[in-house]
């Protein structure tokens, strides 16, 4: 398990769990640190990723772009957990415009998110 400055990460049952800590706004340097920690934890193994974004308020465009491109390395599939309809709409729009190279979906229900990732283990 990694308990970083911005997120907690661990691997369980073939899924990488990624839970952001309370952050008002993610910037590019934060995004780089987060991706670096995740890749160290993964140790050159690809995983489906469960990412809990509920404690994040905002992310700068440069951070979002970094996470979508460089941050996509070693990702089989991505389930994003958000807290409300507003976050859901913004995140879905971002996915549509960034066109990730792996299956990506947004959820408000943790169990549905984990079910989605089962096929990618």
C-alpha atoms as a PDB file:
ATOM      1  CA  UNK A   1       0.000   0.000   0.000  1.00  0.00           C
ATOM      2  CA  UNK A   2       1.109   3.545  -0.749  1.00  0.00           C
ATOM      3  CA  UNK A   3      -0.157   6.347   1.480  1.00  0.00           C
ATOM      4  CA  UNK A   4       0.970   9.347  -0.563  1.00  0.00           C
ATOM      5  CA  UNK A   5       0.460  13.053  -0.100  1.00  0.00           C
ATOM      6  CA  UNK A   6      -2.567  13.128  -2.395  1.00  0.00           C
ATOM      7  CA  UNK A   7      -3.920   9.586  -2.499  1.00  0.00           C
ATOM      8  CA  UNK A   8      -3.920   6.118  -0.971  1.00  0.00           C
ATOM      9  CA  UNK A   9      -3.265   3.233  -3.366  1.00  0.00           C
ATOM     10  CA  UNK A  10      -3.272  -0.518  -2.974  1.00  0.00           C
ATOM     11  CA  UNK A  11      -3.786  -3.652  -5.038  1.00  0.00           C
ATOM     12  CA  UNK A  12      -6.428  -6.153  -3.988  1.00  0.00           C
ATOM     13  CA  UNK A  13      -7.983  -9.075  -5.885  1.00  0.00           C
ATOM     14  CA  UNK A  14      -6.391  -8.000  -9.182  1.00  0.00           C
ATOM     15  CA  UNK A  15      -7.636  -4.402  -8.991  1.00  0.00           C
ATOM     16  CA  UNK A  16      -5.629  -1.286  -8.180  1.00  0.00           C
ATOM     17  CA  UNK A  17      -7.568   0.874  -5.730  1.00  0.00           C
ATOM     18  CA  UNK A  18      -6.845   4.567  -5.834  1.00  0.00           C
ATOM     19  CA  UNK A  19      -8.555   6.855  -3.311  1.00  0.00           C
ATOM     20  CA  UNK A  20      -7.818  10.561  -3.496  1.00  0.00           C
ATOM     21  CA  UNK A  21      -7.463  12.493  -0.270  1.00  0.00           C
ATOM     22  CA  UNK A  22      -9.306  15.774   0.248  1.00  0.00           C
ATOM     23  CA  UNK A  23      -7.924  18.067  -2.460  1.00  0.00           C
ATOM     24  CA  UNK A  24      -9.396  21.325  -3.634  1.00  0.00           C
ATOM     25  CA  UNK A  25      -7.584  21.385  -6.974  1.00  0.00           C
ATOM     26  CA  UNK A  26      -5.119  19.020  -8.618  1.00  0.00           C
ATOM     27  CA  UNK A  27      -2.353  20.715 -10.600  1.00  0.00           C
ATOM     28  CA  UNK A  28       0.170  19.218 -13.057  1.00  0.00           C
ATOM     29  CA  UNK A  29       2.962  18.701 -10.512  1.00  0.00           C
ATOM     30  CA  UNK A  30       0.542  16.893  -8.178  1.00  0.00           C
ATOM     31  CA  UNK A  31      -0.622  14.742 -11.118  1.00  0.00           C
ATOM     32  CA  UNK A  32       2.997  13.801 -11.937  1.00  0.00           C
ATOM     33  CA  UNK A  33       3.665  12.745  -8.329  1.00  0.00           C
ATOM     34  CA  UNK A  34       0.437  10.722  -8.225  1.00  0.00           C
ATOM     35  CA  UNK A  35       1.229   8.870 -11.477  1.00  0.00           C
ATOM     36  CA  UNK A  36       4.810   8.198 -10.361  1.00  0.00           C
ATOM     37  CA  UNK A  37       3.607   6.626  -7.094  1.00  0.00           C
ATOM     38  CA  UNK A  38       1.021   4.530  -8.926  1.00  0.00           C
ATOM     39  CA  UNK A  39       3.573   3.186 -11.407  1.00  0.00           C
ATOM     40  CA  UNK A  40       5.969   2.271  -8.592  1.00  0.00           C
ATOM     41  CA  UNK A  41       3.191   0.346  -6.872  1.00  0.00           C
ATOM     42  CA  UNK A  42       2.252  -1.431 -10.126  1.00  0.00           C
ATOM     43  CA  UNK A  43       5.847  -2.575 -10.713  1.00  0.00           C
ATOM     44  CA  UNK A  44       5.380  -2.905 -14.517  1.00  0.00           C
ATOM     45  CA  UNK A  45       2.080  -4.813 -14.202  1.00  0.00           C
ATOM     46  CA  UNK A  46      -1.119  -3.537 -15.841  1.00  0.00           C
ATOM     47  CA  UNK A  47      -4.288  -3.432 -13.746  1.00  0.00           C
ATOM     48  CA  UNK A  48      -7.879  -2.313 -13.971  1.00  0.00           C
ATOM     49  CA  UNK A  49      -8.092   0.774 -11.758  1.00  0.00           C
ATOM     50  CA  UNK A  50     -10.801   1.854  -9.336  1.00  0.00           C
ATOM     51  CA  UNK A  51     -10.373   5.595  -8.760  1.00  0.00           C
ATOM     52  CA  UNK A  52     -12.370   7.321  -6.014  1.00  0.00           C
ATOM     53  CA  UNK A  53     -12.578  11.011  -6.922  1.00  0.00           C
ATOM     54  CA  UNK A  54     -15.196  11.983  -4.324  1.00  0.00           C
ATOM     55  CA  UNK A  55     -12.777  14.068  -2.207  1.00  0.00           C
ATOM     56  CA  UNK A  56     -11.458  16.096  -5.179  1.00  0.00           C
ATOM     57  CA  UNK A  57     -13.171  19.382  -5.978  1.00  0.00           C
ATOM     58  CA  UNK A  58     -11.374  20.363  -9.181  1.00  0.00           C
ATOM     59  CA  UNK A  59      -8.442  19.584 -11.480  1.00  0.00           C
ATOM     60  CA  UNK A  60      -6.613  22.047 -13.707  1.00  0.00           C
ATOM     61  CA  UNK A  61      -6.736  21.309 -17.448  1.00  0.00           C
ATOM     62  CA  UNK A  62      -2.983  20.588 -17.541  1.00  0.00           C
ATOM     63  CA  UNK A  63      -3.429  18.049 -14.714  1.00  0.00           C
ATOM     64  CA  UNK A  64      -6.407  16.389 -16.423  1.00  0.00           C
ATOM     65  CA  UNK A  65      -4.485  16.149 -19.697  1.00  0.00           C
ATOM     66  CA  UNK A  66      -1.445  14.670 -17.945  1.00  0.00           C
ATOM     67  CA  UNK A  67      -3.563  12.091 -16.120  1.00  0.00           C
ATOM     68  CA  UNK A  68      -5.388  11.155 -19.341  1.00  0.00           C
ATOM     69  CA  UNK A  69      -2.229  10.715 -21.440  1.00  0.00           C
ATOM     70  CA  UNK A  70       0.906   9.950 -19.381  1.00  0.00           C
ATOM     71  CA  UNK A  71      -1.265   8.739 -16.522  1.00  0.00           C
ATOM     72  CA  UNK A  72      -2.858   6.094 -18.744  1.00  0.00           C
ATOM     73  CA  UNK A  73       0.270   3.920 -18.831  1.00  0.00           C
ATOM     74  CA  UNK A  74      -0.295   0.364 -17.518  1.00  0.00           C
ATOM     75  CA  UNK A  75      -4.083   0.833 -17.220  1.00  0.00           C
ATOM     76  CA  UNK A  76      -6.375  -1.987 -18.442  1.00  0.00           C
ATOM     77  CA  UNK A  77      -9.644  -0.229 -17.571  1.00  0.00           C
ATOM     78  CA  UNK A  78     -10.712   2.663 -15.363  1.00  0.00           C
ATOM     79  CA  UNK A  79     -13.760   3.084 -13.135  1.00  0.00           C
ATOM     80  CA  UNK A  80     -14.151   6.580 -11.693  1.00  0.00           C
ATOM     81  CA  UNK A  81     -16.291   7.054  -8.591  1.00  0.00           C
ATOM     82  CA  UNK A  82     -17.816  10.525  -8.174  1.00  0.00           C
ATOM     83  CA  UNK A  83     -20.040  12.058  -5.496  1.00  0.00           C
ATOM     84  CA  UNK A  84     -22.846  13.832  -7.354  1.00  0.00           C
ATOM     85  CA  UNK A  85     -24.583  14.476 -10.685  1.00  0.00           C
ATOM     86  CA  UNK A  86     -22.508  17.613 -11.342  1.00  0.00           C
ATOM     87  CA  UNK A  87     -19.244  15.660 -10.980  1.00  0.00           C
ATOM     88  CA  UNK A  88     -20.718  12.871 -13.097  1.00  0.00           C
ATOM     89  CA  UNK A  89     -21.542  15.250 -15.965  1.00  0.00           C
ATOM     90  CA  UNK A  90     -18.128  16.951 -15.911  1.00  0.00           C
ATOM     91  CA  UNK A  91     -16.259  13.652 -15.749  1.00  0.00           C
ATOM     92  CA  UNK A  92     -18.310  12.107 -18.576  1.00  0.00           C
ATOM     93  CA  UNK A  93     -17.619  15.163 -20.747  1.00  0.00           C
ATOM     94  CA  UNK A  94     -13.890  14.871 -20.028  1.00  0.00           C
ATOM     95  CA  UNK A  95     -13.900  11.175 -20.989  1.00  0.00           C
ATOM     96  CA  UNK A  96     -15.749  11.965 -24.211  1.00  0.00           C
ATOM     97  CA  UNK A  97     -13.251  14.684 -25.202  1.00  0.00           C
ATOM     98  CA  UNK A  98     -10.070  12.846 -24.114  1.00  0.00           C
ATOM     99  CA  UNK A  99     -11.014   9.490 -25.701  1.00  0.00           C
ATOM    100  CA  UNK A 100      -8.974   7.182 -23.443  1.00  0.00           C
ATOM    101  CA  UNK A 101      -7.398   4.124 -25.088  1.00  0.00           C
ATOM    102  CA  UNK A 102      -8.917   1.788 -22.476  1.00  0.00           C
ATOM    103  CA  UNK A 103     -12.487   1.205 -21.248  1.00  0.00           C
ATOM    104  CA  UNK A 104     -13.464   4.044 -18.902  1.00  0.00           C
ATOM    105  CA  UNK A 105     -16.725   4.642 -17.062  1.00  0.00           C
ATOM    106  CA  UNK A 106     -17.999   6.957 -14.342  1.00  0.00           C
ATOM    107  CA  UNK A 107     -20.092   5.716 -11.421  1.00  0.00           C
ATOM    108  CA  UNK A 108     -21.824   6.970  -8.307  1.00  0.00           C
ATOM    109  CA  UNK A 109     -22.129   3.430  -6.920  1.00  0.00           C
ATOM    110  CA  UNK A 110     -18.920   1.701  -5.761  1.00  0.00           C
ATOM    111  CA  UNK A 111     -20.288  -1.821  -6.255  1.00  0.00           C
ATOM    112  CA  UNK A 112     -21.270  -1.117  -9.872  1.00  0.00           C
ATOM    113  CA  UNK A 113     -17.816   0.359 -10.513  1.00  0.00           C
ATOM    114  CA  UNK A 114     -16.108  -2.757  -9.129  1.00  0.00           C
ATOM    115  CA  UNK A 115     -18.424  -5.011 -11.146  1.00  0.00           C
ATOM    116  CA  UNK A 116     -17.426  -3.143 -14.329  1.00  0.00           C
ATOM    117  CA  UNK A 117     -13.733  -3.824 -13.599  1.00  0.00           C
ATOM    118  CA  UNK A 118     -14.175  -7.599 -13.085  1.00  0.00           C
ATOM    119  CA  UNK A 119     -13.965  -8.302 -16.821  1.00  0.00           C
ATOM    120  CA  UNK A 120     -10.538  -6.637 -17.065  1.00  0.00           C
ATOM    121  CA  UNK A 121      -8.671  -8.488 -14.301  1.00  0.00           C
END
